[in-house]
Amino acid sequence: MLVLPNELCRRILELGIQSKTLNYKDLCCLSITCRRLSRLSAEDSLWSSLLFSDFSPSQNDTNFNSNDNNFKNNNNSSSTASSKAKILYKIRFEKDREQKRLVHRRLVLRIESEIAEHLRKIREIKLQTSEEKEKTNEAVAELLNLRKIRQASIALNVWQPEIVRGRQKQMVQQCNVPVDSRINVLEMELRLCEQQIAGYDNALRIEKRRLEAAKRQLASAKYHPLQDFSTTSSGQPDEHRIRRKKLEQSTTM
């Protein structure tokens, strides 16, 4: 390509941008190969085309429209003016990247709030389950006691030693409620408690599944394959990361 005249090289770059074969990264890479390609890749016409193809001007962005109109009219201007489109592209690129970062941040915060809400519901369900289990244990203990009293009242009609009879009689006298009706009420209450506990267990499983799904979504949102790490597993700086960072800085617009 270096043996070709400037007009032909310029036309190749223009066709590459128009067909979207070349992007801003390719132009930056070309700019560090040699002085000639650095001068050609920095021309205003190329960056103006990239500017309009990558960032369509919005109706509210008057500065963008006015600047782009000036760039269109001055495509063949001096070398000082030829870098204006590239500068504007950089500004638009950083603005777009910041907007994407804010959108990503809002997404992460929304997922984190959903995780917090799932955790709150799980704690609430566990608390309600423990309360129902306490009520169940109390009802079971009272039911067992009432059944003993009912057995004692039945045993009073049968001959027994006086000591056993006196103890059973005392148990019956200490009971101030109708035994049979109270037993029926407790048995119904136990069935209701079992249904409530089963419902809470089902709701707990659903919330745990939703929590795991939200955690996976959060991990996917936070994941980035090119994330920089300060150190490697051995605790020393990663030489490949440093070299890559230097290369990225050298290709920065």
Protein backbone atom coordinates (compact mmCIF):
# COMPACT_ATOMS: atom_id res chain seq x y z
CA MET A 1 0.00 0.00 0.00
CA LEU A 2 2.95 2.33 0.59
CA VAL A 3 3.83 2.32 -3.12
CA LEU A 4 0.39 3.66 -4.05
CA PRO A 5 -0.18 7.39 -4.54
CA ASN A 6 -1.87 9.37 -1.80
CA GLU A 7 -5.08 9.81 -3.78
CA LEU A 8 -5.50 6.07 -4.19
CA CYS A 9 -4.67 5.35 -0.53
CA ARG A 10 -7.16 8.00 0.51
CA ARG A 11 -9.82 6.47 -1.73
CA ILE A 12 -9.17 3.00 -0.29
CA LEU A 13 -9.64 4.36 3.23
CA GLU A 14 -12.82 6.17 2.21
CA LEU A 15 -14.28 3.01 0.64
CA GLY A 16 -13.35 1.03 3.74
CA ILE A 17 -15.20 3.48 5.96
CA GLN A 18 -18.22 3.68 3.66
CA SER A 19 -18.51 -0.13 3.58
CA LYS A 20 -17.91 -0.22 7.36
CA THR A 21 -14.88 -2.43 6.83
CA LEU A 22 -12.72 0.10 8.67
CA ASN A 23 -13.57 1.72 11.99
CA TYR A 24 -11.90 4.15 14.35
CA LYS A 25 -9.67 1.42 15.78
CA ASP A 26 -8.33 0.61 12.33
CA LEU A 27 -7.56 4.26 11.65
CA CYS A 28 -5.76 4.55 14.97
CA CYS A 29 -3.73 1.44 14.18
CA LEU A 30 -2.83 2.84 10.76
CA SER A 31 -1.73 6.10 12.35
CA ILE A 32 1.10 4.40 14.26
CA THR A 33 2.53 2.47 11.31
CA CYS A 34 4.30 5.31 9.49
CA ARG A 35 4.19 9.05 9.04
CA ARG A 36 2.46 8.85 5.68
CA LEU A 37 -0.40 6.69 6.91
CA SER A 38 -0.56 8.74 10.06
CA ARG A 39 -1.16 11.85 7.97
CA LEU A 40 -3.67 10.11 5.69
CA SER A 41 -5.62 8.45 8.50
CA ALA A 42 -6.01 11.78 10.31
CA GLU A 43 -7.72 13.55 7.42
CA ASP A 44 -10.94 15.32 8.21
CA SER A 45 -12.99 13.62 5.49
CA LEU A 46 -12.40 10.16 6.96
CA TRP A 47 -13.27 11.16 10.52
CA SER A 48 -16.28 13.15 9.37
CA SER A 49 -17.64 10.03 7.65
CA LEU A 50 -16.98 8.00 10.77
CA LEU A 51 -18.62 10.70 12.86
CA PHE A 52 -21.86 10.53 10.89
CA SER A 53 -21.89 6.73 10.55
CA ASP A 54 -21.14 5.95 14.21
CA PHE A 55 -22.99 8.84 15.87
CA SER A 56 -26.14 9.94 14.12
CA PRO A 57 -26.79 13.57 15.17
CA SER A 58 -29.81 14.01 17.43
CA GLN A 59 -32.33 16.77 16.95
CA ASN A 60 -31.49 18.31 20.30
CA ASP A 61 -27.73 18.39 19.76
CA THR A 62 -27.38 21.77 18.03
CA ASN A 63 -23.67 22.02 18.65
CA PHE A 64 -23.14 18.70 16.98
CA ASN A 65 -25.12 19.76 13.92
CA SER A 66 -23.44 23.14 13.58
CA ASN A 67 -19.95 21.72 13.97
CA ASP A 68 -20.64 18.93 11.50
CA ASN A 69 -21.92 21.41 8.91
CA ASN A 70 -18.67 23.34 9.27
CA PHE A 71 -16.70 20.12 8.87
CA LYS A 72 -18.58 19.24 5.69
CA ASN A 73 -17.76 22.60 4.15
CA ASN A 74 -14.09 22.46 5.15
CA ASN A 75 -13.07 18.94 4.16
CA ASN A 76 -10.25 20.26 1.98
CA SER A 77 -8.97 22.83 4.48
CA SER A 78 -5.53 23.08 6.05
CA SER A 79 -3.83 20.41 8.17
CA THR A 80 -4.70 22.32 11.34
CA ALA A 81 -8.40 22.09 10.63
CA SER A 82 -8.11 18.48 9.49
CA SER A 83 -7.93 17.22 13.09
CA LYS A 84 -11.17 18.87 14.21
CA ALA A 85 -13.36 15.97 13.09
CA LYS A 86 -11.12 13.55 14.92
CA ILE A 87 -11.33 15.66 18.08
CA LEU A 88 -15.10 15.85 17.81
CA TYR A 89 -15.26 12.10 17.22
CA LYS A 90 -13.24 11.59 20.39
CA ILE A 91 -15.60 13.87 22.33
CA ARG A 92 -18.66 12.06 20.99
CA PHE A 93 -17.04 8.69 21.63
CA GLU A 94 -16.25 9.54 25.26
CA LYS A 95 -19.74 10.97 25.73
CA ASP A 96 -21.31 7.84 24.28
CA ARG A 97 -19.07 5.64 26.43
CA GLU A 98 -20.04 7.61 29.53
CA GLN A 99 -23.73 7.22 28.69
CA LYS A 100 -23.28 3.48 28.25
CA ARG A 101 -21.40 3.35 31.55
CA LEU A 102 -24.27 5.13 33.30
CA VAL A 103 -26.83 2.81 31.71
CA HIS A 104 -24.77 -0.17 32.81
CA ARG A 105 -24.47 1.29 36.31
CA ARG A 106 -28.23 1.77 36.53
CA LEU A 107 -28.71 -1.83 35.39
CA VAL A 108 -26.34 -3.09 38.08
CA LEU A 109 -28.04 -0.99 40.76
CA ARG A 110 -31.47 -2.25 39.68
CA ILE A 111 -30.34 -5.87 39.88
CA GLU A 112 -28.69 -5.26 43.25
CA SER A 113 -31.94 -3.73 44.55
CA GLU A 114 -33.83 -6.78 43.29
CA ILE A 115 -31.38 -9.05 45.12
CA ALA A 116 -31.84 -7.02 48.30
CA GLU A 117 -35.62 -7.30 47.93
CA HIS A 118 -35.40 -11.07 47.43
CA LEU A 119 -33.23 -11.37 50.53
CA ARG A 120 -35.72 -9.32 52.52
CA LYS A 121 -38.60 -11.54 51.40
CA ILE A 122 -36.61 -14.66 52.25
CA ARG A 123 -35.94 -13.36 55.76
CA GLU A 124 -39.61 -12.47 56.16
CA ILE A 125 -40.74 -15.92 54.98
CA LYS A 126 -38.28 -17.64 57.31
CA LEU A 127 -39.55 -15.54 60.22
CA GLN A 128 -43.17 -16.39 59.41
CA THR A 129 -42.27 -20.07 59.08
CA SER A 130 -40.55 -20.09 62.47
CA GLU A 131 -43.61 -18.43 64.05
CA GLU A 132 -45.92 -21.03 62.52
CA LYS A 133 -43.66 -23.82 63.76
CA GLU A 134 -43.73 -22.37 67.28
CA LYS A 135 -47.53 -22.24 67.14
CA THR A 136 -47.54 -25.83 65.89
CA ASN A 137 -45.30 -27.00 68.74
CA GLU A 138 -47.50 -25.24 71.30
CA ALA A 139 -50.64 -26.75 69.77
CA VAL A 140 -49.08 -30.25 69.75
CA ALA A 141 -48.05 -29.94 73.40
CA GLU A 142 -51.53 -28.78 74.43
CA LEU A 143 -53.15 -31.50 72.33
CA LEU A 144 -51.08 -34.21 73.97
CA ASN A 145 -51.98 -32.85 77.41
CA LEU A 146 -55.70 -32.77 76.57
CA ARG A 147 -55.59 -36.32 75.28
CA LYS A 148 -54.04 -37.42 78.55
CA ILE A 149 -56.84 -35.62 80.41
CA ARG A 150 -59.45 -37.31 78.24
CA GLN A 151 -57.89 -40.68 78.92
CA ALA A 152 -57.86 -39.86 82.66
CA SER A 153 -61.55 -38.90 82.60
CA ILE A 154 -62.39 -42.19 80.89
CA ALA A 155 -60.25 -44.09 83.39
CA LEU A 156 -62.20 -42.63 86.31
CA ASN A 157 -65.14 -44.83 85.33
CA VAL A 158 -62.99 -47.91 85.82
CA TRP A 159 -61.75 -49.24 89.17
CA GLN A 160 -58.15 -48.23 89.89
CA PRO A 161 -55.94 -47.88 92.93
CA GLU A 162 -56.77 -44.83 94.96
CA ILE A 163 -53.40 -43.18 94.32
CA VAL A 164 -53.74 -43.45 90.55
CA ARG A 165 -57.38 -42.48 90.71
CA GLY A 166 -56.60 -39.35 92.78
CA ARG A 167 -53.94 -38.20 90.34
CA GLN A 168 -56.24 -38.67 87.37
CA LYS A 169 -59.05 -36.90 89.17
CA GLN A 170 -56.76 -33.98 89.87
CA MET A 171 -55.82 -33.76 86.18
CA VAL A 172 -59.48 -33.66 85.15
CA GLN A 173 -60.36 -31.03 87.73
CA GLN A 174 -57.51 -28.74 86.65
CA CYS A 175 -58.84 -28.64 83.10
CA ASN A 176 -61.22 -25.68 82.75
CA VAL A 177 -62.23 -26.21 79.10
CA PRO A 178 -64.35 -28.84 77.37
CA VAL A 179 -61.76 -31.44 76.40
CA ASP A 180 -63.37 -32.87 73.26
CA SER A 181 -64.25 -29.51 71.70
CA ARG A 182 -60.79 -28.13 72.50
CA ILE A 183 -59.13 -31.18 70.93
CA ASN A 184 -61.14 -30.67 67.75
CA VAL A 185 -60.10 -27.01 67.64
CA LEU A 186 -56.43 -27.89 68.12
CA GLU A 187 -56.50 -30.58 65.45
CA MET A 188 -58.00 -28.08 63.01
CA GLU A 189 -55.39 -25.52 64.01
CA LEU A 190 -52.61 -28.04 63.40
CA ARG A 191 -53.91 -28.74 59.91
CA LEU A 192 -54.01 -25.03 59.17
CA CYS A 193 -50.46 -24.60 60.49
CA GLU A 194 -49.23 -27.42 58.29
CA GLN A 195 -50.83 -25.81 55.26
CA GLN A 196 -49.30 -22.45 56.15
CA ILE A 197 -45.85 -23.99 56.59
CA ALA A 198 -46.16 -25.82 53.26
CA GLY A 199 -47.15 -22.53 51.58
CA TYR A 200 -44.21 -20.72 53.17
CA ASP A 201 -41.81 -23.49 52.07
CA ASN A 202 -43.07 -23.20 48.50
CA ALA A 203 -42.74 -19.41 48.56
CA LEU A 204 -39.23 -19.76 50.01
CA ARG A 205 -38.17 -22.07 47.18
CA ILE A 206 -39.56 -19.63 44.60
CA GLU A 207 -37.76 -16.66 46.17
CA LYS A 208 -34.49 -18.61 46.33
CA ARG A 209 -34.77 -19.46 42.64
CA ARG A 210 -35.43 -15.81 41.84
CA LEU A 211 -32.49 -14.79 44.01
CA GLU A 212 -30.14 -17.19 42.22
CA ALA A 213 -31.39 -15.94 38.84
CA ALA A 214 -30.80 -12.33 39.91
CA LYS A 215 -27.29 -13.20 41.14
CA ARG A 216 -26.47 -14.85 37.82
CA GLN A 217 -27.82 -11.80 35.99
CA LEU A 218 -25.69 -9.52 38.18
CA ALA A 219 -22.58 -11.62 37.58
CA SER A 220 -23.26 -11.51 33.84
CA ALA A 221 -23.75 -7.73 33.95
CA LYS A 222 -20.54 -7.17 35.90
CA TYR A 223 -18.47 -9.56 33.79
CA HIS A 224 -16.05 -8.07 31.28
CA PRO A 225 -13.60 -10.30 29.38
CA LEU A 226 -10.96 -7.54 29.22
CA GLN A 227 -11.25 -6.43 32.83
CA ASP A 228 -7.94 -5.14 34.19
CA PHE A 229 -6.54 -6.74 37.30
CA SER A 230 -3.89 -5.02 39.37
CA THR A 231 -1.96 -8.21 40.09
CA THR A 232 -1.75 -11.78 38.92
CA SER A 233 -2.39 -14.82 41.07
CA SER A 234 1.23 -14.68 42.29
CA GLY A 235 0.77 -11.11 43.51
CA GLN A 236 3.13 -9.59 40.91
CA PRO A 237 2.05 -7.13 38.18
CA ASP A 238 0.96 -8.78 34.96
CA GLU A 239 3.50 -7.91 32.27
CA HIS A 240 1.08 -8.73 29.47
CA ARG A 241 -1.49 -6.37 31.00
CA ILE A 242 1.09 -3.58 31.23
CA ARG A 243 2.15 -4.07 27.62
CA ARG A 244 -1.45 -4.10 26.45
CA LYS A 245 -2.15 -0.92 28.39
CA LYS A 246 0.87 0.80 26.85
CA LEU A 247 -0.28 -0.25 23.38
CA GLU A 248 -3.78 1.08 24.05
CA GLN A 249 -2.31 4.40 25.24
CA SER A 250 -0.18 4.66 22.11
CA THR A 251 -3.23 4.11 19.88
CA THR A 252 -5.40 6.56 21.80
CA MET A 253 -6.80 9.26 19.58
